[in-house]
Amino acid sequence: MPRKKPLPTKERIIDVAGDIFGKNGFKAATIRQIATAAQANLAAVNYHFRDKEGLYRAVLEDTFSKGFHRFPYRKNPEESNAPDQQLHSFIRAMFHRFLNNEGWGGISGRGKLIAREFFEPTPAFEPIVDTYIKPHKEILVSIISDLSRGKAGMDKILPCAISIIGQCVYYTFAAPVIQRIAKEFLPTQENIDLLADHVFWFSLGGIQQINTRPVDKKTPIVLNTLQEKHP
């Protein structure tokens, strides 16, 4: 079996830096530590990335560009363009980015780096949001708008989009909790289809319910009704 050709120095540094930044965080990780692990000298890091901030930006861009390139959202040509099928494809692509070993690998891979940025964003995350996250948010908003057949305004559509994204994020990064309360729903590569199906059906039902809810505030009445049935 032929040996794999070693990565060029720049790619090797990015590859190693992704793991180290993910495990240790930006502040704790050092250029010397990364250079040693990548079997490169400090001059090579400075040559390619200028400084630690430049390397970190390169790692984030590499992480997101590969994830979205490897698992893009696209309409399945074998299916109709029905918005419910588009929603399922969107959710499934998101789970593949998060959990597939060829994507971000959950919390055991580049996912740790992403988790840190989700909960403690650095300035390097701003261009990532503009380039990758906002455009896909707009795609999801468009799908939900089509599902509502124009009956729902942005005040209903946008929270639905955030809720769908939130479910995928929680399943990915809350693995230690899920391990203790629902092992059958562990966020693993093997469970991608299971999780995607659940989030799809749960979200579809929620969207349909919200679309039929009157414009004025009825939530307290709904809660009171539930309390009457289940005191």
Foldseek 3Di string as FASTA:
>chain_A
DDDDDDDPLLVLLLQQVLQQCLVQNLVRDDLVVSCVVSVHDSVVCCVVQVHSVSSVLVSVCVQVVQLCVVQPQDDDPVDDVQLLSSLLSLLLSLLCQQAPPSHQNFSVGSNSVVVCCVVPNDPSCVVVCVPPVVVSLVVQLVSLCVLLVNQDDCVLSNVLSVVLVVLSNCLRHVQVVCVVPPVVSRSHPVCSSVSSVVSSVVSSVVSVVVSPDDPDDCVVVVVVVVVVVPD
